[in-house]
């Protein structure tokens, strides 16, 4: 009984105030600028209770930009493994979704889902701050699901949507 109550309280707190960590796995940094813009006062991602943290051990959501290069693959995996359960990942930008213009390069593994399971995709080059906010807020609804459902990787990656609307897997 107490475990169920505790789990409900923890899920409620994570949904109301998730902490995110931003990680650039390679690329042109255009999406990084848009992520910072989403956190800035003009768009104010903090109005949803979302805070940027510097340590993966304190973060609930990993916001990843850029394609995964061979050099960054181990670092991304290490950061993902340091995060507490439930681990949620948002792939921001065309490069993080599919490898983008860097797909097929000798040093690129592909999108973020080639290394870690992704819960939400925000397509676009560069993804707009409104789309990033939309993706993170849509992702918060998945925190209501039981823990087993959050651990399962998504079945397939969605096709890129014109207009940059977020897709939750």
C-alpha atoms as a PDB file:
ATOM      1  CA  UNK A   1       0.000   0.000   0.000  1.00  0.00           C
ATOM      2  CA  UNK A   2       2.698   2.469   0.998  1.00  0.00           C
ATOM      3  CA  UNK A   3       4.781   1.588  -2.056  1.00  0.00           C
ATOM      4  CA  UNK A   4       1.880   2.388  -4.396  1.00  0.00           C
ATOM      5  CA  UNK A   5       1.251   5.690  -2.642  1.00  0.00           C
ATOM      6  CA  UNK A   6       4.945   6.554  -2.759  1.00  0.00           C
ATOM      7  CA  UNK A   7       5.128   5.672  -6.476  1.00  0.00           C
ATOM      8  CA  UNK A   8       2.088   7.839  -7.215  1.00  0.00           C
ATOM      9  CA  UNK A   9       3.610  10.777  -5.359  1.00  0.00           C
ATOM     10  CA  UNK A  10       6.945  10.367  -7.163  1.00  0.00           C
ATOM     11  CA  UNK A  11       5.204  10.182 -10.582  1.00  0.00           C
ATOM     12  CA  UNK A  12       3.139  13.264  -9.716  1.00  0.00           C
ATOM     13  CA  UNK A  13       6.261  15.196  -8.667  1.00  0.00           C
ATOM     14  CA  UNK A  14       8.186  14.184 -11.809  1.00  0.00           C
ATOM     15  CA  UNK A  15       5.271  15.206 -14.019  1.00  0.00           C
ATOM     16  CA  UNK A  16       4.891  18.569 -12.266  1.00  0.00           C
ATOM     17  CA  UNK A  17       8.585  19.400 -12.020  1.00  0.00           C
ATOM     18  CA  UNK A  18      10.821  17.341 -14.309  1.00  0.00           C
ATOM     19  CA  UNK A  19      14.515  18.109 -14.428  1.00  0.00           C
ATOM     20  CA  UNK A  20      16.241  17.985 -17.791  1.00  0.00           C
ATOM     21  CA  UNK A  21      19.832  17.668 -18.885  1.00  0.00           C
ATOM     22  CA  UNK A  22      20.955  18.833 -22.311  1.00  0.00           C
ATOM     23  CA  UNK A  23      23.520  16.846 -24.282  1.00  0.00           C
ATOM     24  CA  UNK A  24      24.986  17.649 -27.707  1.00  0.00           C
ATOM     25  CA  UNK A  25      26.177  14.472 -29.379  1.00  0.00           C
ATOM     26  CA  UNK A  26      27.666  16.257 -32.405  1.00  0.00           C
ATOM     27  CA  UNK A  27      26.395  18.432 -35.228  1.00  0.00           C
ATOM     28  CA  UNK A  28      26.147  22.082 -36.095  1.00  0.00           C
ATOM     29  CA  UNK A  29      24.872  23.477 -32.733  1.00  0.00           C
ATOM     30  CA  UNK A  30      21.780  25.103 -34.311  1.00  0.00           C
ATOM     31  CA  UNK A  31      19.442  22.966 -32.202  1.00  0.00           C
ATOM     32  CA  UNK A  32      21.524  23.735 -29.106  1.00  0.00           C
ATOM     33  CA  UNK A  33      20.811  27.410 -29.603  1.00  0.00           C
ATOM     34  CA  UNK A  34      17.086  26.631 -29.899  1.00  0.00           C
ATOM     35  CA  UNK A  35      17.134  24.533 -26.711  1.00  0.00           C
ATOM     36  CA  UNK A  36      18.781  27.426 -24.865  1.00  0.00           C
ATOM     37  CA  UNK A  37      16.178  29.784 -26.361  1.00  0.00           C
ATOM     38  CA  UNK A  38      13.398  27.509 -25.056  1.00  0.00           C
ATOM     39  CA  UNK A  39      14.914  27.758 -21.573  1.00  0.00           C
ATOM     40  CA  UNK A  40      15.348  31.545 -21.807  1.00  0.00           C
ATOM     41  CA  UNK A  41      12.754  33.984 -20.414  1.00  0.00           C
ATOM     42  CA  UNK A  42      11.125  34.705 -23.793  1.00  0.00           C
ATOM     43  CA  UNK A  43       9.788  31.131 -24.189  1.00  0.00           C
ATOM     44  CA  UNK A  44      10.233  30.158 -20.514  1.00  0.00           C
ATOM     45  CA  UNK A  45      10.216  26.378 -20.299  1.00  0.00           C
ATOM     46  CA  UNK A  46      10.338  26.785 -16.520  1.00  0.00           C
ATOM     47  CA  UNK A  47       6.667  27.846 -16.465  1.00  0.00           C
ATOM     48  CA  UNK A  48       5.899  24.122 -16.737  1.00  0.00           C
ATOM     49  CA  UNK A  49       8.154  23.395 -13.755  1.00  0.00           C
ATOM     50  CA  UNK A  50      10.994  22.159 -15.966  1.00  0.00           C
ATOM     51  CA  UNK A  51      14.495  22.958 -14.761  1.00  0.00           C
ATOM     52  CA  UNK A  52      17.846  22.477 -16.452  1.00  0.00           C
ATOM     53  CA  UNK A  53      20.291  20.499 -14.334  1.00  0.00           C
ATOM     54  CA  UNK A  54      24.006  19.960 -14.760  1.00  0.00           C
ATOM     55  CA  UNK A  55      24.200  16.376 -13.529  1.00  0.00           C
ATOM     56  CA  UNK A  56      22.554  13.339 -15.139  1.00  0.00           C
ATOM     57  CA  UNK A  57      22.046  11.881 -11.661  1.00  0.00           C
ATOM     58  CA  UNK A  58      19.551  14.637 -10.930  1.00  0.00           C
ATOM     59  CA  UNK A  59      17.799  14.623 -14.321  1.00  0.00           C
ATOM     60  CA  UNK A  60      14.574  12.916 -15.368  1.00  0.00           C
ATOM     61  CA  UNK A  61      14.703  13.853 -19.063  1.00  0.00           C
ATOM     62  CA  UNK A  62      17.678  13.820 -21.436  1.00  0.00           C
ATOM     63  CA  UNK A  63      17.329  16.393 -24.230  1.00  0.00           C
ATOM     64  CA  UNK A  64      19.751  15.295 -26.928  1.00  0.00           C
ATOM     65  CA  UNK A  65      20.711  17.225 -30.069  1.00  0.00           C
ATOM     66  CA  UNK A  66      22.859  16.312 -33.041  1.00  0.00           C
ATOM     67  CA  UNK A  67      23.722  12.984 -34.630  1.00  0.00           C
ATOM     68  CA  UNK A  68      25.554  10.428 -32.531  1.00  0.00           C
ATOM     69  CA  UNK A  69      29.179  10.317 -33.590  1.00  0.00           C
ATOM     70  CA  UNK A  70      31.490   7.412 -32.837  1.00  0.00           C
ATOM     71  CA  UNK A  71      33.383   9.518 -30.290  1.00  0.00           C
ATOM     72  CA  UNK A  72      30.218  10.599 -28.465  1.00  0.00           C
ATOM     73  CA  UNK A  73      28.473   7.212 -28.416  1.00  0.00           C
ATOM     74  CA  UNK A  74      30.114   6.020 -25.175  1.00  0.00           C
ATOM     75  CA  UNK A  75      29.607   9.377 -23.469  1.00  0.00           C
ATOM     76  CA  UNK A  76      25.908   9.444 -24.374  1.00  0.00           C
ATOM     77  CA  UNK A  77      25.472   5.907 -23.096  1.00  0.00           C
ATOM     78  CA  UNK A  78      27.312   6.725 -19.853  1.00  0.00           C
ATOM     79  CA  UNK A  79      25.120   9.784 -19.242  1.00  0.00           C
ATOM     80  CA  UNK A  80      21.990   7.755 -19.984  1.00  0.00           C
ATOM     81  CA  UNK A  81      23.039   5.010 -17.555  1.00  0.00           C
ATOM     82  CA  UNK A  82      23.686   7.562 -14.781  1.00  0.00           C
ATOM     83  CA  UNK A  83      20.110   8.850 -14.945  1.00  0.00           C
ATOM     84  CA  UNK A  84      17.592   7.476 -12.415  1.00  0.00           C
ATOM     85  CA  UNK A  85      14.551   5.472 -13.521  1.00  0.00           C
ATOM     86  CA  UNK A  86      12.327   6.255 -15.359  1.00  0.00           C
ATOM     87  CA  UNK A  87      14.709   7.530 -18.021  1.00  0.00           C
ATOM     88  CA  UNK A  88      13.149   9.658 -20.746  1.00  0.00           C
ATOM     89  CA  UNK A  89      14.972  10.895 -23.831  1.00  0.00           C
ATOM     90  CA  UNK A  90      13.917  13.646 -26.252  1.00  0.00           C
ATOM     91  CA  UNK A  91      15.675  13.741 -29.632  1.00  0.00           C
ATOM     92  CA  UNK A  92      15.691  17.353 -30.849  1.00  0.00           C
ATOM     93  CA  UNK A  93      16.316  18.197 -34.506  1.00  0.00           C
ATOM     94  CA  UNK A  94      16.621  16.238 -37.719  1.00  0.00           C
ATOM     95  CA  UNK A  95      20.149  15.118 -36.883  1.00  0.00           C
ATOM     96  CA  UNK A  96      19.088  13.596 -33.546  1.00  0.00           C
ATOM     97  CA  UNK A  97      16.036  11.975 -35.117  1.00  0.00           C
ATOM     98  CA  UNK A  98      17.691  10.319 -38.114  1.00  0.00           C
ATOM     99  CA  UNK A  99      21.279  11.497 -38.461  1.00  0.00           C
ATOM    100  CA  UNK A 100      20.151  14.357 -40.719  1.00  0.00           C
ATOM    101  CA  UNK A 101      22.658  15.671 -43.236  1.00  0.00           C
ATOM    102  CA  UNK A 102      25.394  13.740 -41.441  1.00  0.00           C
ATOM    103  CA  UNK A 103      23.731  10.342 -42.001  1.00  0.00           C
ATOM    104  CA  UNK A 104      26.065   8.033 -43.889  1.00  0.00           C
ATOM    105  CA  UNK A 105      29.253   9.809 -42.818  1.00  0.00           C
ATOM    106  CA  UNK A 106      32.098   7.542 -41.733  1.00  0.00           C
ATOM    107  CA  UNK A 107      32.065   8.887 -38.172  1.00  0.00           C
ATOM    108  CA  UNK A 108      28.299   8.984 -37.537  1.00  0.00           C
ATOM    109  CA  UNK A 109      26.379   6.145 -35.875  1.00  0.00           C
ATOM    110  CA  UNK A 110      22.991   7.682 -36.754  1.00  0.00           C
ATOM    111  CA  UNK A 111      20.217   9.210 -34.680  1.00  0.00           C
ATOM    112  CA  UNK A 112      20.005   9.123 -30.913  1.00  0.00           C
ATOM    113  CA  UNK A 113      17.784   6.029 -31.013  1.00  0.00           C
ATOM    114  CA  UNK A 114      20.730   4.049 -32.385  1.00  0.00           C
ATOM    115  CA  UNK A 115      22.268   4.225 -28.892  1.00  0.00           C
ATOM    116  CA  UNK A 116      19.481   4.858 -26.330  1.00  0.00           C
ATOM    117  CA  UNK A 117      15.689   4.424 -26.462  1.00  0.00           C
ATOM    118  CA  UNK A 118      13.945   7.679 -27.384  1.00  0.00           C
ATOM    119  CA  UNK A 119      10.550   8.599 -25.933  1.00  0.00           C
ATOM    120  CA  UNK A 120       9.868  11.744 -28.001  1.00  0.00           C
ATOM    121  CA  UNK A 121      11.119  13.196 -31.271  1.00  0.00           C
ATOM    122  CA  UNK A 122      11.147  16.891 -32.185  1.00  0.00           C
ATOM    123  CA  UNK A 123      11.940  17.134 -35.908  1.00  0.00           C
ATOM    124  CA  UNK A 124      13.179  20.229 -37.690  1.00  0.00           C
ATOM    125  CA  UNK A 125      16.385  21.825 -38.798  1.00  0.00           C
ATOM    126  CA  UNK A 126      16.728  23.625 -36.485  1.00  0.00           C
ATOM    127  CA  UNK A 127      13.805  22.666 -34.259  1.00  0.00           C
ATOM    128  CA  UNK A 128      11.898  25.727 -33.094  1.00  0.00           C
ATOM    129  CA  UNK A 129      11.671  26.492 -29.359  1.00  0.00           C
ATOM    130  CA  UNK A 130       7.878  26.122 -29.507  1.00  0.00           C
ATOM    131  CA  UNK A 131       8.283  22.592 -30.910  1.00  0.00           C
ATOM    132  CA  UNK A 132      10.830  21.708 -28.219  1.00  0.00           C
ATOM    133  CA  UNK A 133       8.474  22.920 -25.502  1.00  0.00           C
ATOM    134  CA  UNK A 134       5.620  20.993 -27.135  1.00  0.00           C
ATOM    135  CA  UNK A 135       7.690  17.806 -27.245  1.00  0.00           C
ATOM    136  CA  UNK A 136       8.737  18.017 -23.602  1.00  0.00           C
ATOM    137  CA  UNK A 137       5.211  18.829 -22.420  1.00  0.00           C
ATOM    138  CA  UNK A 138       3.747  15.924 -24.442  1.00  0.00           C
ATOM    139  CA  UNK A 139       6.394  13.694 -22.947  1.00  0.00           C
ATOM    140  CA  UNK A 140       5.238  14.582 -19.443  1.00  0.00           C
ATOM    141  CA  UNK A 141       1.940  12.783 -20.091  1.00  0.00           C
ATOM    142  CA  UNK A 142       3.869   9.503 -20.435  1.00  0.00           C
ATOM    143  CA  UNK A 143       5.008   9.838 -16.821  1.00  0.00           C
ATOM    144  CA  UNK A 144       1.502   8.730 -15.830  1.00  0.00           C
ATOM    145  CA  UNK A 145       2.195   5.274 -17.303  1.00  0.00           C
ATOM    146  CA  UNK A 146       3.537   2.453 -15.155  1.00  0.00           C
ATOM    147  CA  UNK A 147       7.299   2.011 -15.012  1.00  0.00           C
ATOM    148  CA  UNK A 148       7.275  -1.103 -17.225  1.00  0.00           C
ATOM    149  CA  UNK A 149       5.769   0.851 -20.130  1.00  0.00           C
ATOM    150  CA  UNK A 150       8.450   3.546 -19.853  1.00  0.00           C
ATOM    151  CA  UNK A 151      11.325   1.063 -20.157  1.00  0.00           C
ATOM    152  CA  UNK A 152      10.156  -0.414 -23.457  1.00  0.00           C
ATOM    153  CA  UNK A 153      11.806   1.181 -26.523  1.00  0.00           C
ATOM    154  CA  UNK A 154       9.440   2.601 -29.156  1.00  0.00           C
ATOM    155  CA  UNK A 155       8.441   0.383 -32.060  1.00  0.00           C
ATOM    156  CA  UNK A 156       9.604   2.681 -34.845  1.00  0.00           C
ATOM    157  CA  UNK A 157      10.772   6.206 -35.492  1.00  0.00           C
ATOM    158  CA  UNK A 158       8.069   8.539 -36.872  1.00  0.00           C
ATOM    159  CA  UNK A 159       8.467  10.221 -40.215  1.00  0.00           C
ATOM    160  CA  UNK A 160       9.518  13.848 -40.076  1.00  0.00           C
ATOM    161  CA  UNK A 161       6.545  16.117 -39.938  1.00  0.00           C
ATOM    162  CA  UNK A 162       6.576  19.379 -41.854  1.00  0.00           C
ATOM    163  CA  UNK A 163       6.128  22.258 -39.462  1.00  0.00           C
ATOM    164  CA  UNK A 164       8.217  20.730 -36.708  1.00  0.00           C
ATOM    165  CA  UNK A 165       5.475  19.301 -34.476  1.00  0.00           C
ATOM    166  CA  UNK A 166       6.733  16.910 -31.849  1.00  0.00           C
ATOM    167  CA  UNK A 167       5.968  13.218 -31.977  1.00  0.00           C
ATOM    168  CA  UNK A 168       5.857  11.100 -28.857  1.00  0.00           C
ATOM    169  CA  UNK A 169       6.700   7.415 -29.366  1.00  0.00           C
END
